[in-house]
ModelCIF file with pLDDT and N, C-alpha, C, O atoms, coordinates in Angstrom:
data_MODEL
#
_entry.id   MODEL 
#
_entity.id                         1 
_entity.type                       polymer 
_entity.pdbx_number_of_molecules   1 
#
_entity_poly.entity_id                      1 
_entity_poly.type                           'polypeptide(L)' 
_entity_poly.nstd_linkage                   no 
_entity_poly.nstd_monomer                   no 
_entity_poly.pdbx_seq_one_letter_code       DGIEDPAGGAYKEGGETVKRVSDVKLISYGKIKHLISHLIG 
_entity_poly.pdbx_seq_one_letter_code_can   DGIEDPAGGAYKEGGETVKRVSDVKLISYGKIKHLISHLIG 
_entity_poly.pdbx_strand_id                 A 
#
loop_
_entity_poly_seq.entity_id 
_entity_poly_seq.num 
_entity_poly_seq.mon_id 
_entity_poly_seq.hetero 
1 1  ASP n 
1 2  GLY n 
1 3  ILE n 
1 4  GLU n 
1 5  ASP n 
1 6  PRO n 
1 7  ALA n 
1 8  GLY n 
1 9  GLY n 
1 10 ALA n 
1 11 TYR n 
1 12 LYS n 
1 13 GLU n 
1 14 GLY n 
1 15 GLY n 
1 16 GLU n 
1 17 THR n 
1 18 VAL n 
1 19 LYS n 
1 20 ARG n 
1 21 VAL n 
1 22 SER n 
1 23 ASP n 
1 24 VAL n 
1 25 LYS n 
1 26 LEU n 
1 27 ILE n 
1 28 SER n 
1 29 TYR n 
1 30 GLY n 
1 31 LYS n 
1 32 ILE n 
1 33 LYS n 
1 34 HIS n 
1 35 LEU n 
1 36 ILE n 
1 37 SER n 
1 38 HIS n 
1 39 LEU n 
1 40 ILE n 
1 41 GLY n 
#
_struct_asym.id          A 
_struct_asym.entity_id   1 
#
loop_
_ma_qa_metric.id 
_ma_qa_metric.mode 
_ma_qa_metric.name 
_ma_qa_metric.software_group_id 
_ma_qa_metric.type 
1 global pLDDT . pLDDT 
2 local  pLDDT . pLDDT 
#
_ma_qa_metric_global.metric_id      1 
_ma_qa_metric_global.metric_value   81.41 
_ma_qa_metric_global.model_id       1 
_ma_qa_metric_global.ordinal_id     1 
#
loop_
_ma_qa_metric_local.label_asym_id 
_ma_qa_metric_local.label_comp_id 
_ma_qa_metric_local.label_seq_id 
_ma_qa_metric_local.metric_id 
_ma_qa_metric_local.metric_value 
_ma_qa_metric_local.model_id 
_ma_qa_metric_local.ordinal_id 
A ASP 1  2 97.00 1 1  
A GLY 2  2 96.00 1 2  
A ILE 3  2 93.00 1 3  
A GLU 4  2 87.00 1 4  
A ASP 5  2 77.00 1 5  
A PRO 6  2 64.00 1 6  
A ALA 7  2 62.00 1 7  
A GLY 8  2 59.00 1 8  
A GLY 9  2 57.00 1 9  
A ALA 10 2 54.00 1 10 
A TYR 11 2 50.00 1 11 
A LYS 12 2 51.00 1 12 
A GLU 13 2 46.00 1 13 
A GLY 14 2 52.00 1 14 
A GLY 15 2 52.00 1 15 
A GLU 16 2 59.00 1 16 
A THR 17 2 67.00 1 17 
A VAL 18 2 74.00 1 18 
A LYS 19 2 74.00 1 19 
A ARG 20 2 78.00 1 20 
A VAL 21 2 83.00 1 21 
A SER 22 2 79.00 1 22 
A ASP 23 2 89.00 1 23 
A VAL 24 2 94.00 1 24 
A LYS 25 2 96.00 1 25 
A LEU 26 2 97.00 1 26 
A ILE 27 2 98.00 1 27 
A SER 28 2 98.00 1 28 
A TYR 29 2 98.00 1 29 
A GLY 30 2 98.00 1 30 
A LYS 31 2 98.00 1 31 
A ILE 32 2 98.00 1 32 
A LYS 33 2 97.00 1 33 
A HIS 34 2 97.00 1 34 
A LEU 35 2 97.00 1 35 
A ILE 36 2 97.00 1 36 
A SER 37 2 96.00 1 37 
A HIS 38 2 93.00 1 38 
A LEU 39 2 95.00 1 39 
A ILE 40 2 96.00 1 40 
A GLY 41 2 95.00 1 41 
#
loop_
_atom_site.group_PDB 
_atom_site.id 
_atom_site.type_symbol 
_atom_site.label_atom_id 
_atom_site.label_alt_id 
_atom_site.label_comp_id 
_atom_site.label_asym_id 
_atom_site.label_entity_id 
_atom_site.label_seq_id 
_atom_site.pdbx_PDB_ins_code 
_atom_site.Cartn_x 
_atom_site.Cartn_y 
_atom_site.Cartn_z 
_atom_site.occupancy 
_atom_site.B_iso_or_equiv 
_atom_site.pdbx_formal_charge 
_atom_site.auth_seq_id 
_atom_site.auth_comp_id 
_atom_site.auth_asym_id 
_atom_site.auth_atom_id 
_atom_site.pdbx_PDB_model_num 
ATOM 1   N N  . ASP A 1 1  ? 39.978 102.457 211.224 1.00 97.00 ? 1  ASP A N  1 
ATOM 2   C CA . ASP A 1 1  ? 39.829 103.427 210.201 1.00 97.00 ? 1  ASP A CA 1 
ATOM 3   C C  . ASP A 1 1  ? 39.425 102.774 208.845 1.00 97.00 ? 1  ASP A C  1 
ATOM 4   O O  . ASP A 1 1  ? 38.869 103.422 207.958 1.00 97.00 ? 1  ASP A O  1 
ATOM 5   N N  . GLY A 1 2  ? 39.736 101.454 208.737 1.00 96.00 ? 2  GLY A N  1 
ATOM 6   C CA . GLY A 1 2  ? 39.343 100.825 207.435 1.00 96.00 ? 2  GLY A CA 1 
ATOM 7   C C  . GLY A 1 2  ? 39.779 99.409  207.456 1.00 96.00 ? 2  GLY A C  1 
ATOM 8   O O  . GLY A 1 2  ? 40.402 98.961  208.418 1.00 96.00 ? 2  GLY A O  1 
ATOM 9   N N  . ILE A 1 3  ? 39.469 98.687  206.416 1.00 93.00 ? 3  ILE A N  1 
ATOM 10  C CA . ILE A 1 3  ? 39.841 97.189  206.268 1.00 93.00 ? 3  ILE A CA 1 
ATOM 11  C C  . ILE A 1 3  ? 40.733 97.095  205.052 1.00 93.00 ? 3  ILE A C  1 
ATOM 12  O O  . ILE A 1 3  ? 40.392 97.671  204.019 1.00 93.00 ? 3  ILE A O  1 
ATOM 13  N N  . GLU A 1 4  ? 41.852 96.404  205.116 1.00 87.00 ? 4  GLU A N  1 
ATOM 14  C CA . GLU A 1 4  ? 42.716 96.342  204.080 1.00 87.00 ? 4  GLU A CA 1 
ATOM 15  C C  . GLU A 1 4  ? 42.143 95.483  202.996 1.00 87.00 ? 4  GLU A C  1 
ATOM 16  O O  . GLU A 1 4  ? 41.561 94.439  203.290 1.00 87.00 ? 4  GLU A O  1 
ATOM 17  N N  . ASP A 1 5  ? 42.284 95.882  201.731 1.00 77.00 ? 5  ASP A N  1 
ATOM 18  C CA . ASP A 1 5  ? 41.806 95.173  200.586 1.00 77.00 ? 5  ASP A CA 1 
ATOM 19  C C  . ASP A 1 5  ? 42.432 93.802  200.621 1.00 77.00 ? 5  ASP A C  1 
ATOM 20  O O  . ASP A 1 5  ? 43.644 93.663  200.792 1.00 77.00 ? 5  ASP A O  1 
ATOM 21  N N  . PRO A 1 6  ? 41.561 92.734  200.450 1.00 64.00 ? 6  PRO A N  1 
ATOM 22  C CA . PRO A 1 6  ? 42.053 91.306  200.397 1.00 64.00 ? 6  PRO A CA 1 
ATOM 23  C C  . PRO A 1 6  ? 43.199 91.071  199.445 1.00 64.00 ? 6  PRO A C  1 
ATOM 24  O O  . PRO A 1 6  ? 44.018 90.166  199.605 1.00 64.00 ? 6  PRO A O  1 
ATOM 25  N N  . ALA A 1 7  ? 43.217 91.918  198.464 1.00 62.00 ? 7  ALA A N  1 
ATOM 26  C CA . ALA A 1 7  ? 44.422 91.808  197.463 1.00 62.00 ? 7  ALA A CA 1 
ATOM 27  C C  . ALA A 1 7  ? 45.654 92.425  198.019 1.00 62.00 ? 7  ALA A C  1 
ATOM 28  O O  . ALA A 1 7  ? 46.705 92.302  197.390 1.00 62.00 ? 7  ALA A O  1 
ATOM 29  N N  . GLY A 1 8  ? 45.617 93.105  199.192 1.00 59.00 ? 8  GLY A N  1 
ATOM 30  C CA . GLY A 1 8  ? 46.821 93.786  199.684 1.00 59.00 ? 8  GLY A CA 1 
ATOM 31  C C  . GLY A 1 8  ? 47.790 92.827  200.201 1.00 59.00 ? 8  GLY A C  1 
ATOM 32  O O  . GLY A 1 8  ? 47.574 91.615  200.204 1.00 59.00 ? 8  GLY A O  1 
ATOM 33  N N  . GLY A 1 9  ? 48.955 93.415  200.676 1.00 57.00 ? 9  GLY A N  1 
ATOM 34  C CA . GLY A 1 9  ? 49.966 92.595  201.266 1.00 57.00 ? 9  GLY A CA 1 
ATOM 35  C C  . GLY A 1 9  ? 51.071 92.234  200.246 1.00 57.00 ? 9  GLY A C  1 
ATOM 36  O O  . GLY A 1 9  ? 51.113 92.730  199.120 1.00 57.00 ? 9  GLY A O  1 
ATOM 37  N N  . ALA A 1 10 ? 51.920 91.381  200.696 1.00 54.00 ? 10 ALA A N  1 
ATOM 38  C CA . ALA A 1 10 ? 53.119 91.054  199.881 1.00 54.00 ? 10 ALA A CA 1 
ATOM 39  C C  . ALA A 1 10 ? 52.713 90.082  198.762 1.00 54.00 ? 10 ALA A C  1 
ATOM 40  O O  . ALA A 1 10 ? 51.743 89.330  198.853 1.00 54.00 ? 10 ALA A O  1 
ATOM 41  N N  . TYR A 1 11 ? 53.585 90.161  197.633 1.00 50.00 ? 11 TYR A N  1 
ATOM 42  C CA . TYR A 1 11 ? 53.385 89.322  196.509 1.00 50.00 ? 11 TYR A CA 1 
ATOM 43  C C  . TYR A 1 11 ? 54.699 88.751  196.063 1.00 50.00 ? 11 TYR A C  1 
ATOM 44  O O  . TYR A 1 11 ? 55.761 89.359  196.199 1.00 50.00 ? 11 TYR A O  1 
ATOM 45  N N  . LYS A 1 12 ? 54.584 87.510  195.504 1.00 51.00 ? 12 LYS A N  1 
ATOM 46  C CA . LYS A 1 12 ? 55.687 86.848  194.903 1.00 51.00 ? 12 LYS A CA 1 
ATOM 47  C C  . LYS A 1 12 ? 55.870 87.455  193.479 1.00 51.00 ? 12 LYS A C  1 
ATOM 48  O O  . LYS A 1 12 ? 54.904 88.011  192.956 1.00 51.00 ? 12 LYS A O  1 
ATOM 49  N N  . GLU A 1 13 ? 57.021 87.376  192.850 1.00 46.00 ? 13 GLU A N  1 
ATOM 50  C CA . GLU A 1 13 ? 57.174 87.677  191.525 1.00 46.00 ? 13 GLU A CA 1 
ATOM 51  C C  . GLU A 1 13 ? 56.190 86.918  190.671 1.00 46.00 ? 13 GLU A C  1 
ATOM 52  O O  . GLU A 1 13 ? 56.053 85.714  190.889 1.00 46.00 ? 13 GLU A O  1 
ATOM 53  N N  . GLY A 1 14 ? 55.529 87.475  189.768 1.00 52.00 ? 14 GLY A N  1 
ATOM 54  C CA . GLY A 1 14 ? 54.447 86.849  188.935 1.00 52.00 ? 14 GLY A CA 1 
ATOM 55  C C  . GLY A 1 14 ? 53.081 87.198  189.474 1.00 52.00 ? 14 GLY A C  1 
ATOM 56  O O  . GLY A 1 14 ? 52.083 86.864  188.837 1.00 52.00 ? 14 GLY A O  1 
ATOM 57  N N  . GLY A 1 15 ? 52.992 87.811  190.543 1.00 52.00 ? 15 GLY A N  1 
ATOM 58  C CA . GLY A 1 15 ? 51.721 88.325  191.081 1.00 52.00 ? 15 GLY A CA 1 
ATOM 59  C C  . GLY A 1 15 ? 50.988 87.455  192.091 1.00 52.00 ? 15 GLY A C  1 
ATOM 60  O O  . GLY A 1 15 ? 49.868 87.763  192.499 1.00 52.00 ? 15 GLY A O  1 
ATOM 61  N N  . GLU A 1 16 ? 51.633 86.368  192.485 1.00 59.00 ? 16 GLU A N  1 
ATOM 62  C CA . GLU A 1 16 ? 50.898 85.501  193.441 1.00 59.00 ? 16 GLU A CA 1 
ATOM 63  C C  . GLU A 1 16 ? 50.868 86.084  194.883 1.00 59.00 ? 16 GLU A C  1 
ATOM 64  O O  . GLU A 1 16 ? 51.925 86.418  195.418 1.00 59.00 ? 16 GLU A O  1 
ATOM 65  N N  . THR A 1 17 ? 49.738 86.203  195.484 1.00 67.00 ? 17 THR A N  1 
ATOM 66  C CA . THR A 1 17 ? 49.651 86.754  196.808 1.00 67.00 ? 17 THR A CA 1 
ATOM 67  C C  . THR A 1 17 ? 50.150 85.782  197.844 1.00 67.00 ? 17 THR A C  1 
ATOM 68  O O  . THR A 1 17 ? 49.808 84.604  197.748 1.00 67.00 ? 17 THR A O  1 
ATOM 69  N N  . VAL A 1 18 ? 50.966 86.196  198.870 1.00 74.00 ? 18 VAL A N  1 
ATOM 70  C CA . VAL A 1 18 ? 51.411 85.244  199.893 1.00 74.00 ? 18 VAL A CA 1 
ATOM 71  C C  . VAL A 1 18 ? 50.719 85.422  201.171 1.00 74.00 ? 18 VAL A C  1 
ATOM 72  O O  . VAL A 1 18 ? 51.007 84.696  202.122 1.00 74.00 ? 18 VAL A O  1 
ATOM 73  N N  . LYS A 1 19 ? 49.769 86.394  201.270 1.00 74.00 ? 19 LYS A N  1 
ATOM 74  C CA . LYS A 1 19 ? 49.009 86.750  202.467 1.00 74.00 ? 19 LYS A CA 1 
ATOM 75  C C  . LYS A 1 19 ? 47.616 86.091  202.358 1.00 74.00 ? 19 LYS A C  1 
ATOM 76  O O  . LYS A 1 19 ? 46.884 86.303  201.391 1.00 74.00 ? 19 LYS A O  1 
ATOM 77  N N  . ARG A 1 20 ? 47.293 85.320  203.338 1.00 78.00 ? 20 ARG A N  1 
ATOM 78  C CA . ARG A 1 20 ? 46.015 84.804  203.428 1.00 78.00 ? 20 ARG A CA 1 
ATOM 79  C C  . ARG A 1 20 ? 45.519 84.907  204.954 1.00 78.00 ? 20 ARG A C  1 
ATOM 80  O O  . ARG A 1 20 ? 45.723 84.035  205.798 1.00 78.00 ? 20 ARG A O  1 
ATOM 81  N N  . VAL A 1 21 ? 44.875 86.042  205.158 1.00 83.00 ? 21 VAL A N  1 
ATOM 82  C CA . VAL A 1 21 ? 44.422 86.472  206.503 1.00 83.00 ? 21 VAL A CA 1 
ATOM 83  C C  . VAL A 1 21 ? 43.071 86.796  206.506 1.00 83.00 ? 21 VAL A C  1 
ATOM 84  O O  . VAL A 1 21 ? 42.624 87.494  205.595 1.00 83.00 ? 21 VAL A O  1 
ATOM 85  N N  . SER A 1 22 ? 42.304 86.357  207.468 1.00 79.00 ? 22 SER A N  1 
ATOM 86  C CA . SER A 1 22 ? 40.829 86.465  207.371 1.00 79.00 ? 22 SER A CA 1 
ATOM 87  C C  . SER A 1 22 ? 40.408 87.960  207.319 1.00 79.00 ? 22 SER A C  1 
ATOM 88  O O  . SER A 1 22 ? 39.477 88.321  206.598 1.00 79.00 ? 22 SER A O  1 
ATOM 89  N N  . ASP A 1 23 ? 41.126 88.842  208.114 1.00 89.00 ? 23 ASP A N  1 
ATOM 90  C CA . ASP A 1 23 ? 40.713 90.224  207.954 1.00 89.00 ? 23 ASP A CA 1 
ATOM 91  C C  . ASP A 1 23 ? 41.871 91.068  208.554 1.00 89.00 ? 23 ASP A C  1 
ATOM 92  O O  . ASP A 1 23 ? 42.509 90.655  209.522 1.00 89.00 ? 23 ASP A O  1 
ATOM 93  N N  . VAL A 1 24 ? 42.122 92.226  207.975 1.00 94.00 ? 24 VAL A N  1 
ATOM 94  C CA . VAL A 1 24 ? 43.201 93.156  208.399 1.00 94.00 ? 24 VAL A CA 1 
ATOM 95  C C  . VAL A 1 24 ? 42.630 94.537  208.618 1.00 94.00 ? 24 VAL A C  1 
ATOM 96  O O  . VAL A 1 24 ? 42.349 95.279  207.677 1.00 94.00 ? 24 VAL A O  1 
ATOM 97  N N  . LYS A 1 25 ? 42.460 94.874  209.938 1.00 96.00 ? 25 LYS A N  1 
ATOM 98  C CA . LYS A 1 25 ? 41.899 96.233  210.288 1.00 96.00 ? 25 LYS A CA 1 
ATOM 99  C C  . LYS A 1 25 ? 43.001 97.218  210.366 1.00 96.00 ? 25 LYS A C  1 
ATOM 100 O O  . LYS A 1 25 ? 44.061 96.887  210.897 1.00 96.00 ? 25 LYS A O  1 
ATOM 101 N N  . LEU A 1 26 ? 42.833 98.395  209.880 1.00 97.00 ? 26 LEU A N  1 
ATOM 102 C CA . LEU A 1 26 ? 43.737 99.542  209.927 1.00 97.00 ? 26 LEU A CA 1 
ATOM 103 C C  . LEU A 1 26 ? 43.335 100.602 211.031 1.00 97.00 ? 26 LEU A C  1 
ATOM 104 O O  . LEU A 1 26 ? 42.177 101.010 211.133 1.00 97.00 ? 26 LEU A O  1 
ATOM 105 N N  . ILE A 1 27 ? 44.300 100.994 211.798 1.00 98.00 ? 27 ILE A N  1 
ATOM 106 C CA . ILE A 1 27 ? 43.987 102.103 212.748 1.00 98.00 ? 27 ILE A CA 1 
ATOM 107 C C  . ILE A 1 27 ? 45.227 102.962 212.882 1.00 98.00 ? 27 ILE A C  1 
ATOM 108 O O  . ILE A 1 27 ? 46.365 102.495 212.836 1.00 98.00 ? 27 ILE A O  1 
ATOM 109 N N  . SER A 1 28 ? 44.931 104.299 213.056 1.00 98.00 ? 28 SER A N  1 
ATOM 110 C CA . SER A 1 28 ? 46.063 105.229 213.136 1.00 98.00 ? 28 SER A CA 1 
ATOM 111 C C  . SER A 1 28 ? 46.644 105.175 214.576 1.00 98.00 ? 28 SER A C  1 
ATOM 112 O O  . SER A 1 28 ? 45.968 104.943 215.578 1.00 98.00 ? 28 SER A O  1 
ATOM 113 N N  . TYR A 1 29 ? 48.029 105.428 214.557 1.00 98.00 ? 29 TYR A N  1 
ATOM 114 C CA . TYR A 1 29 ? 48.596 105.365 215.855 1.00 98.00 ? 29 TYR A CA 1 
ATOM 115 C C  . TYR A 1 29 ? 48.048 106.391 216.844 1.00 98.00 ? 29 TYR A C  1 
ATOM 116 O O  . TYR A 1 29 ? 47.971 106.152 218.049 1.00 98.00 ? 29 TYR A O  1 
ATOM 117 N N  . GLY A 1 30 ? 47.659 107.583 216.268 1.00 98.00 ? 30 GLY A N  1 
ATOM 118 C CA . GLY A 1 30 ? 47.110 108.617 217.139 1.00 98.00 ? 30 GLY A CA 1 
ATOM 119 C C  . GLY A 1 30 ? 45.806 108.129 217.998 1.00 98.00 ? 30 GLY A C  1 
ATOM 120 O O  . GLY A 1 30 ? 45.541 108.598 219.105 1.00 98.00 ? 30 GLY A O  1 
ATOM 121 N N  . LYS A 1 31 ? 45.120 107.243 217.421 1.00 98.00 ? 31 LYS A N  1 
ATOM 122 C CA . LYS A 1 31 ? 43.888 106.773 218.076 1.00 98.00 ? 31 LYS A CA 1 
ATOM 123 C C  . LYS A 1 31 ? 44.227 105.767 219.119 1.00 98.00 ? 31 LYS A C  1 
ATOM 124 O O  . LYS A 1 31 ? 43.510 105.693 220.117 1.00 98.00 ? 31 LYS A O  1 
ATOM 125 N N  . ILE A 1 32 ? 45.265 104.981 218.974 1.00 98.00 ? 32 ILE A N  1 
ATOM 126 C CA . ILE A 1 32 ? 45.536 103.847 219.846 1.00 98.00 ? 32 ILE A CA 1 
ATOM 127 C C  . ILE A 1 32 ? 46.713 103.956 220.782 1.00 98.00 ? 32 ILE A C  1 
ATOM 128 O O  . ILE A 1 32 ? 47.021 103.074 221.583 1.00 98.00 ? 32 ILE A O  1 
ATOM 129 N N  . LYS A 1 33 ? 47.373 105.141 220.621 1.00 97.00 ? 33 LYS A N  1 
ATOM 130 C CA . LYS A 1 33 ? 48.664 105.268 221.321 1.00 97.00 ? 33 LYS A CA 1 
ATOM 131 C C  . LYS A 1 33 ? 48.518 105.324 222.885 1.00 97.00 ? 33 LYS A C  1 
ATOM 132 O O  . LYS A 1 33 ? 49.475 105.079 223.620 1.00 97.00 ? 33 LYS A O  1 
ATOM 133 N N  . HIS A 1 34 ? 47.299 105.650 223.346 1.00 97.00 ? 34 HIS A N  1 
ATOM 134 C CA . HIS A 1 34 ? 47.089 105.589 224.879 1.00 97.00 ? 34 HIS A CA 1 
ATOM 135 C C  . HIS A 1 34 ? 47.171 104.120 225.416 1.00 97.00 ? 34 HIS A C  1 
ATOM 136 O O  . HIS A 1 34 ? 47.377 103.872 226.604 1.00 97.00 ? 34 HIS A O  1 
ATOM 137 N N  . LEU A 1 35 ? 46.997 103.175 224.462 1.00 97.00 ? 35 LEU A N  1 
ATOM 138 C CA . LEU A 1 35 ? 47.121 101.736 224.898 1.00 97.00 ? 35 LEU A CA 1 
ATOM 139 C C  . LEU A 1 35 ? 48.476 101.175 224.683 1.00 97.00 ? 35 LEU A C  1 
ATOM 140 O O  . LEU A 1 35 ? 48.841 100.234 225.387 1.00 97.00 ? 35 LEU A O  1 
ATOM 141 N N  . ILE A 1 36 ? 49.311 101.707 223.705 1.00 97.00 ? 36 ILE A N  1 
ATOM 142 C CA . ILE A 1 36 ? 50.509 101.019 223.245 1.00 97.00 ? 36 ILE A CA 1 
ATOM 143 C C  . ILE A 1 36 ? 51.799 101.842 223.256 1.00 97.00 ? 36 ILE A C  1 
ATOM 144 O O  . ILE A 1 36 ? 52.851 101.397 222.797 1.00 97.00 ? 36 ILE A O  1 
ATOM 145 N N  . SER A 1 37 ? 51.674 103.106 223.819 1.00 96.00 ? 37 SER A N  1 
ATOM 146 C CA . SER A 1 37 ? 52.688 104.017 223.639 1.00 96.00 ? 37 SER A CA 1 
ATOM 147 C C  . SER A 1 37 ? 53.973 103.644 224.392 1.00 96.00 ? 37 SER A C  1 
ATOM 148 O O  . SER A 1 37 ? 55.083 104.029 224.025 1.00 96.00 ? 37 SER A O  1 
ATOM 149 N N  . HIS A 1 38 ? 53.747 102.826 225.529 1.00 93.00 ? 38 HIS A N  1 
ATOM 150 C CA . HIS A 1 38 ? 54.903 102.355 226.288 1.00 93.00 ? 38 HIS A CA 1 
ATOM 151 C C  . HIS A 1 38 ? 55.808 101.553 225.411 1.00 93.00 ? 38 HIS A C  1 
ATOM 152 O O  . HIS A 1 38 ? 57.016 101.788 225.392 1.00 93.00 ? 38 HIS A O  1 
ATOM 153 N N  . LEU A 1 39 ? 55.217 100.533 224.622 1.00 95.00 ? 39 LEU A N  1 
ATOM 154 C CA . LEU A 1 39 ? 55.939 99.640  223.822 1.00 95.00 ? 39 LEU A CA 1 
ATOM 155 C C  . LEU A 1 39 ? 56.466 100.380 222.646 1.00 95.00 ? 39 LEU A C  1 
ATOM 156 O O  . LEU A 1 39 ? 57.622 100.157 222.285 1.00 95.00 ? 39 LEU A O  1 
ATOM 157 N N  . ILE A 1 40 ? 55.734 101.230 222.023 1.00 96.00 ? 40 ILE A N  1 
ATOM 158 C CA . ILE A 1 40 ? 56.098 102.006 220.887 1.00 96.00 ? 40 ILE A CA 1 
ATOM 159 C C  . ILE A 1 40 ? 57.374 102.856 221.301 1.00 96.00 ? 40 ILE A C  1 
ATOM 160 O O  . ILE A 1 40 ? 58.347 102.923 220.550 1.00 96.00 ? 40 ILE A O  1 
ATOM 161 N N  . GLY A 1 41 ? 57.331 103.469 222.465 1.00 95.00 ? 41 GLY A N  1 
ATOM 162 C CA . GLY A 1 41 ? 58.537 104.237 222.878 1.00 95.00 ? 41 GLY A CA 1 
ATOM 163 C C  . GLY A 1 41 ? 59.780 103.418 223.009 1.00 95.00 ? 41 GLY A C  1 
ATOM 164 O O  . GLY A 1 41 ? 60.838 103.950 223.345 1.00 95.00 ? 41 GLY A O  1 
#
């Protein structure tokens, strides 16, 4: 559905980001539940 803003994720007090990940892709559960519903259940 989208890509998380590189500035997203957790922060330390003072504004320092603690997340350094090449990319974070977002997808709704409704789209992918046919592949993972067993685990989610």
